[in-house]
Amino acid sequence: SSDSSTPARNSATMATRDLDAAKNAFESADAAASRAAHDSEIEAGHAGEAGKYVKSLVFGGLDGTITTFAVVAASKGGGLSTEVVLLMGFANLVADGISMGFGDYLSSKAELDYAKTEKKREKWELENYPEGEKREMIELYMARGVSEEDATMVIERLAKYKNFFLDLMMVEELGLMPPDETDSPAKNGLVTFCAFALFGFVPLVPYVFGRAIGGANGDALFGSACGLTALTMAALGAAKAKFTNQNVTSSALYMLLNGTLAAASAYLVSFAISKALKVNV
């Protein structure tokens, strides 16, 4: 049978529009380019597996970079030694990285479990009282201005495709995207932890090399950490813009501002407390 047994997601491998070209056409208000993007045929779905983890990669990297650099800035403000910077920096990488990764795992799992439970309930209701579920959908469409006759015709036609109609109910009735059985909360958490540790290591790189070669000036090490961190923040901000469809330049600048405010606050607080407590390093 080609109706109710057909999976709703089979179209993921079919030809579709060039999404990047469509976005560029919208940004430039180019109707001709938009038509060309919709008429072009490309294979969809190949970036899906990797694309699932872009959010965890970018935001894990941003958090790792900012928090570690804040530790470095606080250590500098308090007049602490290179050894203390490395001690606190690596402790932060491990502790906060685990916390971030585990937190991402728990939140992703909770979202996925909730969506699965709601889909299971909707499926049970559709199997046991299809007329009631169809009526709910008809009323939703009517509330959006569709006539009862047209809404009834559309819903009756779509209801023949059970899997698709179930996904549609999830979106329209509950405001939930249908759960993807290939989602892995554990992978999300692992990606977040790895991104946090990898990018969070960047502000520590000058101190690692400075400690290895010996005799490096503390101000020079901090300046190098500032430069590397700024470049990393700008790059991650640009990557975030691609993920969230924002302006690349403004996103990079906002991330730089975010990191600057966090680091400056940490530096000033540490400096003030060290003076108040008369800490001699």
Protein backbone atom coordinates (compact mmCIF):
# COMPACT_ATOMS: atom_id res chain seq x y z
CA SER A 1 0.00 0.00 0.00
CA SER A 2 1.26 3.50 -0.73
CA ASP A 3 -0.94 5.50 1.64
CA SER A 4 -1.13 4.99 5.42
CA SER A 5 1.93 2.72 5.57
CA THR A 6 4.22 5.20 3.85
CA PRO A 7 6.64 6.76 6.36
CA ALA A 8 6.22 10.50 6.62
CA ARG A 9 9.95 11.16 6.36
CA ASN A 10 10.73 9.28 3.16
CA SER A 11 10.87 12.59 1.34
CA ALA A 12 14.06 13.46 3.23
CA THR A 13 16.11 11.85 0.49
CA MET A 14 14.17 13.34 -2.41
CA ALA A 15 15.26 16.32 -4.49
CA THR A 16 14.51 19.64 -2.85
CA ARG A 17 15.29 23.34 -3.15
CA ASP A 18 18.76 24.76 -2.58
CA LEU A 19 18.15 26.12 0.93
CA ASP A 20 21.33 28.20 1.13
CA ALA A 21 20.55 29.82 -2.21
CA ALA A 22 16.97 30.46 -1.09
CA LYS A 23 18.22 32.20 2.07
CA ASN A 24 20.62 34.35 0.07
CA ALA A 25 17.84 35.27 -2.34
CA PHE A 26 15.61 36.34 0.55
CA GLU A 27 18.36 38.47 2.12
CA SER A 28 18.97 40.23 -1.19
CA ALA A 29 15.24 40.39 -2.10
CA ASP A 30 16.03 38.69 -5.42
CA ALA A 31 12.85 37.02 -6.66
CA ALA A 32 14.56 35.52 -9.71
CA ALA A 33 17.23 33.91 -7.54
CA SER A 34 14.51 32.58 -5.25
CA ARG A 35 12.75 30.90 -8.18
CA ALA A 36 16.06 29.42 -9.33
CA ALA A 37 16.75 28.07 -5.84
CA HIS A 38 13.32 26.43 -5.69
CA ASP A 39 13.67 24.95 -9.15
CA SER A 40 17.13 23.52 -8.53
CA GLU A 41 17.40 19.87 -7.55
CA ILE A 42 19.84 18.83 -4.84
CA GLU A 43 19.97 15.87 -2.52
CA ALA A 44 18.66 16.66 0.94
CA GLY A 45 19.44 14.91 4.17
CA HIS A 46 23.17 14.31 3.77
CA ALA A 47 24.04 17.00 6.31
CA GLY A 48 21.29 15.95 8.67
CA GLU A 49 23.36 13.70 10.93
CA ALA A 50 26.14 16.23 11.40
CA GLY A 51 23.70 19.14 11.47
CA LYS A 52 22.01 17.74 14.58
CA TYR A 53 25.11 18.48 16.62
CA VAL A 54 25.97 21.93 15.29
CA LYS A 55 24.10 23.61 18.14
CA SER A 56 25.93 21.57 20.78
CA LEU A 57 29.27 22.21 19.06
CA VAL A 58 28.84 25.96 18.73
CA PHE A 59 27.28 26.72 22.09
CA GLY A 60 29.55 24.28 23.93
CA GLY A 61 32.53 25.97 22.32
CA LEU A 62 31.27 29.45 23.22
CA ASP A 63 30.69 28.52 26.85
CA GLY A 64 34.07 26.81 27.10
CA THR A 65 35.93 29.78 25.65
CA ILE A 66 34.16 32.41 27.74
CA THR A 67 34.29 30.62 31.09
CA THR A 68 37.94 29.59 30.77
CA PHE A 69 39.00 33.05 29.67
CA ALA A 70 37.05 34.50 32.59
CA VAL A 71 39.13 32.28 34.88
CA VAL A 72 42.31 33.51 33.18
CA ALA A 73 41.19 37.14 33.50
CA ALA A 74 40.26 36.67 37.17
CA SER A 75 43.66 35.13 37.85
CA LYS A 76 45.36 38.05 36.13
CA GLY A 77 43.26 40.56 38.06
CA GLY A 78 44.21 38.89 41.32
CA GLY A 79 47.88 38.89 40.40
CA LEU A 80 48.14 35.11 40.47
CA SER A 81 51.01 33.15 38.97
CA THR A 82 51.09 31.23 35.69
CA GLU A 83 50.94 27.97 37.62
CA VAL A 84 47.73 29.05 39.35
CA VAL A 85 46.22 30.11 36.02
CA LEU A 86 46.89 26.66 34.61
CA LEU A 87 45.64 24.93 37.76
CA MET A 88 42.35 26.85 37.81
CA GLY A 89 41.98 26.80 34.03
CA PHE A 90 42.26 23.03 33.63
CA ALA A 91 40.08 22.42 36.69
CA ASN A 92 37.43 24.62 35.06
CA LEU A 93 37.75 22.78 31.75
CA VAL A 94 37.07 19.41 33.33
CA ALA A 95 34.45 20.39 35.91
CA ASP A 96 32.42 22.79 33.77
CA GLY A 97 32.84 20.59 30.70
CA ILE A 98 31.32 17.62 32.50
CA SER A 99 28.53 19.80 33.88
CA MET A 100 27.74 21.26 30.46
CA GLY A 101 27.87 17.93 28.68
CA PHE A 102 25.74 16.13 31.25
CA GLY A 103 23.30 19.03 31.33
CA ASP A 104 22.93 18.92 27.54
CA TYR A 105 22.37 15.16 27.72
CA LEU A 106 19.66 15.50 30.38
CA SER A 107 17.83 18.35 28.63
CA SER A 108 17.97 16.64 25.23
CA LYS A 109 16.75 13.36 26.74
CA ALA A 110 13.90 15.11 28.56
CA GLU A 111 12.76 16.84 25.35
CA LEU A 112 12.98 13.62 23.34
CA ASP A 113 11.17 11.54 25.96
CA TYR A 114 8.41 14.13 26.25
CA ALA A 115 7.92 14.26 22.48
CA LYS A 116 7.84 10.45 22.26
CA THR A 117 5.27 10.24 25.06
CA GLU A 118 3.03 12.84 23.44
CA LYS A 119 3.30 11.15 20.05
CA LYS A 120 2.39 7.81 21.61
CA ARG A 121 -0.67 9.41 23.22
CA GLU A 122 -1.74 11.11 20.00
CA LYS A 123 -1.34 7.82 18.12
CA TRP A 124 -3.52 6.01 20.66
CA GLU A 125 -6.19 8.70 20.42
CA LEU A 126 -6.10 8.61 16.62
CA GLU A 127 -6.51 4.83 16.60
CA ASN A 128 -9.31 4.82 19.15
CA TYR A 129 -11.24 7.95 18.21
CA PRO A 130 -10.17 9.15 14.75
CA GLU A 131 -13.27 11.28 14.21
CA GLY A 132 -12.54 13.29 17.35
CA GLU A 133 -8.94 13.91 16.32
CA LYS A 134 -9.96 14.93 12.82
CA ARG A 135 -12.55 17.30 14.26
CA GLU A 136 -9.88 18.94 16.43
CA MET A 137 -7.72 19.53 13.37
CA ILE A 138 -10.65 20.91 11.40
CA GLU A 139 -11.41 23.37 14.19
CA LEU A 140 -7.76 24.45 14.30
CA TYR A 141 -7.81 25.19 10.59
CA MET A 142 -11.13 27.01 10.88
CA ALA A 143 -9.64 29.17 13.66
CA ARG A 144 -7.02 30.27 11.13
CA GLY A 145 -9.63 31.41 8.64
CA VAL A 146 -10.13 28.25 6.57
CA SER A 147 -13.77 27.52 5.79
CA GLU A 148 -15.30 24.43 7.41
CA GLU A 149 -15.85 22.85 4.02
CA ASP A 150 -12.26 23.32 2.89
CA ALA A 151 -10.83 22.34 6.29
CA THR A 152 -12.92 19.15 6.30
CA MET A 153 -11.82 18.26 2.78
CA VAL A 154 -8.14 18.83 3.58
CA ILE A 155 -8.16 16.92 6.87
CA GLU A 156 -10.13 13.99 5.46
CA ARG A 157 -7.61 13.69 2.64
CA LEU A 158 -4.55 14.00 4.88
CA ALA A 159 -5.93 11.59 7.48
CA LYS A 160 -5.57 8.77 4.96
CA TYR A 161 -1.80 9.02 5.45
CA LYS A 162 -1.62 7.93 9.07
CA ASN A 163 2.06 8.57 9.83
CA PHE A 164 2.06 11.95 8.15
CA PHE A 165 -1.21 12.93 9.83
CA LEU A 166 0.18 11.92 13.23
CA ASP A 167 3.21 14.17 12.73
CA LEU A 168 0.91 16.96 11.57
CA MET A 169 -1.17 16.58 14.74
CA MET A 170 1.99 16.87 16.83
CA VAL A 171 2.88 20.19 15.20
CA GLU A 172 -0.59 21.72 14.92
CA GLU A 173 -2.13 20.58 18.20
CA LEU A 174 0.86 20.47 20.54
CA GLY A 175 3.42 22.75 18.91
CA LEU A 176 5.97 19.92 19.03
CA MET A 177 8.24 18.66 16.30
CA PRO A 178 7.81 14.89 15.83
CA PRO A 179 10.60 12.99 17.61
CA ASP A 180 13.42 11.73 15.43
CA GLU A 181 14.27 8.14 16.32
CA THR A 182 17.88 8.74 15.30
CA ASP A 183 18.38 11.52 17.87
CA SER A 184 20.97 10.66 20.50
CA PRO A 185 21.02 12.74 23.72
CA ALA A 186 24.27 10.98 24.67
CA LYS A 187 25.94 12.21 21.48
CA ASN A 188 24.66 15.74 22.13
CA GLY A 189 26.20 15.65 25.58
CA LEU A 190 29.48 14.24 24.29
CA VAL A 191 29.72 16.87 21.55
CA THR A 192 29.05 19.64 24.08
CA PHE A 193 31.74 18.31 26.43
CA CYS A 194 34.33 17.92 23.65
CA ALA A 195 33.56 21.38 22.22
CA PHE A 196 33.77 22.93 25.69
CA ALA A 197 37.12 21.27 26.39
CA LEU A 198 38.58 21.94 22.93
CA PHE A 199 37.66 25.61 22.59
CA GLY A 200 38.02 26.23 26.30
CA PHE A 201 41.66 25.19 26.03
CA VAL A 202 42.39 28.10 23.66
CA PRO A 203 42.86 30.78 26.38
CA LEU A 204 45.28 28.46 28.16
CA VAL A 205 47.49 27.80 25.13
CA PRO A 206 49.88 30.76 25.75
CA TYR A 207 50.27 29.77 29.40
CA VAL A 208 51.00 26.15 28.50
CA PHE A 209 53.72 27.17 26.07
CA GLY A 210 54.95 29.92 28.39
CA ARG A 211 55.33 27.44 31.22
CA ALA A 212 57.06 24.96 28.92
CA ILE A 213 59.69 27.37 27.62
CA GLY A 214 60.04 29.30 30.88
CA GLY A 215 60.77 32.97 31.49
CA ALA A 216 57.68 34.26 29.67
CA ASN A 217 56.30 37.62 30.75
CA GLY A 218 52.88 37.44 32.47
CA ASP A 219 51.53 40.45 30.59
CA ALA A 220 52.62 38.98 27.27
CA LEU A 221 50.94 35.69 28.10
CA PHE A 222 47.71 37.43 29.04
CA GLY A 223 47.82 39.56 25.90
CA SER A 224 48.31 36.45 23.76
CA ALA A 225 45.41 34.76 25.54
CA CYS A 226 43.24 37.82 24.82
CA GLY A 227 44.12 37.74 21.12
CA LEU A 228 43.54 34.00 20.67
CA THR A 229 40.29 34.16 22.62
CA ALA A 230 39.02 37.10 20.56
CA LEU A 231 39.70 35.24 17.30
CA THR A 232 38.00 32.11 18.63
CA MET A 233 34.97 34.05 19.86
CA ALA A 234 34.60 35.82 16.53
CA ALA A 235 34.86 32.54 14.61
CA LEU A 236 32.29 30.82 16.83
CA GLY A 237 30.04 33.86 16.60
CA ALA A 238 30.19 33.63 12.81
CA ALA A 239 29.42 29.90 12.99
CA LYS A 240 26.50 30.63 15.31
CA ALA A 241 25.17 33.12 12.74
CA LYS A 242 25.06 30.43 10.07
CA PHE A 243 23.13 28.19 12.46
CA THR A 244 20.65 30.88 13.56
CA ASN A 245 20.39 32.73 10.22
CA GLN A 246 21.77 35.96 11.68
CA ASN A 247 24.15 38.50 10.24
CA VAL A 248 27.66 37.06 10.48
CA THR A 249 29.40 40.32 11.38
CA SER A 250 26.93 41.36 14.07
CA SER A 251 26.92 37.86 15.57
CA ALA A 252 30.72 37.83 15.77
CA LEU A 253 30.74 41.28 17.38
CA TYR A 254 28.08 40.30 19.91
CA MET A 255 30.13 37.25 20.90
CA LEU A 256 33.21 39.45 21.30
CA LEU A 257 31.17 41.83 23.46
CA ASN A 258 29.88 38.91 25.52
CA GLY A 259 33.38 37.58 26.13
CA THR A 260 34.75 41.05 26.88
CA LEU A 261 32.07 41.80 29.47
CA ALA A 262 32.50 38.43 31.17
CA ALA A 263 36.30 38.67 31.26
CA ALA A 264 36.33 42.31 32.35
CA SER A 265 33.89 41.57 35.16
CA ALA A 266 35.99 38.64 36.36
CA TYR A 267 39.17 40.71 36.18
CA LEU A 268 37.72 43.68 38.08
CA VAL A 269 36.06 41.57 40.77
CA SER A 270 39.23 39.57 41.36
CA PHE A 271 41.33 42.74 41.40
CA ALA A 272 39.02 44.47 43.87
CA ILE A 273 38.80 41.49 46.22
CA SER A 274 42.56 40.91 46.15
CA LYS A 275 43.11 44.56 47.15
CA ALA A 276 40.42 44.44 49.82
CA LEU A 277 41.90 41.31 51.33
CA LYS A 278 45.44 42.64 50.89
CA VAL A 279 46.45 39.50 49.04
CA ASN A 280 50.17 39.44 48.31
CA VAL A 281 51.24 37.12 45.52
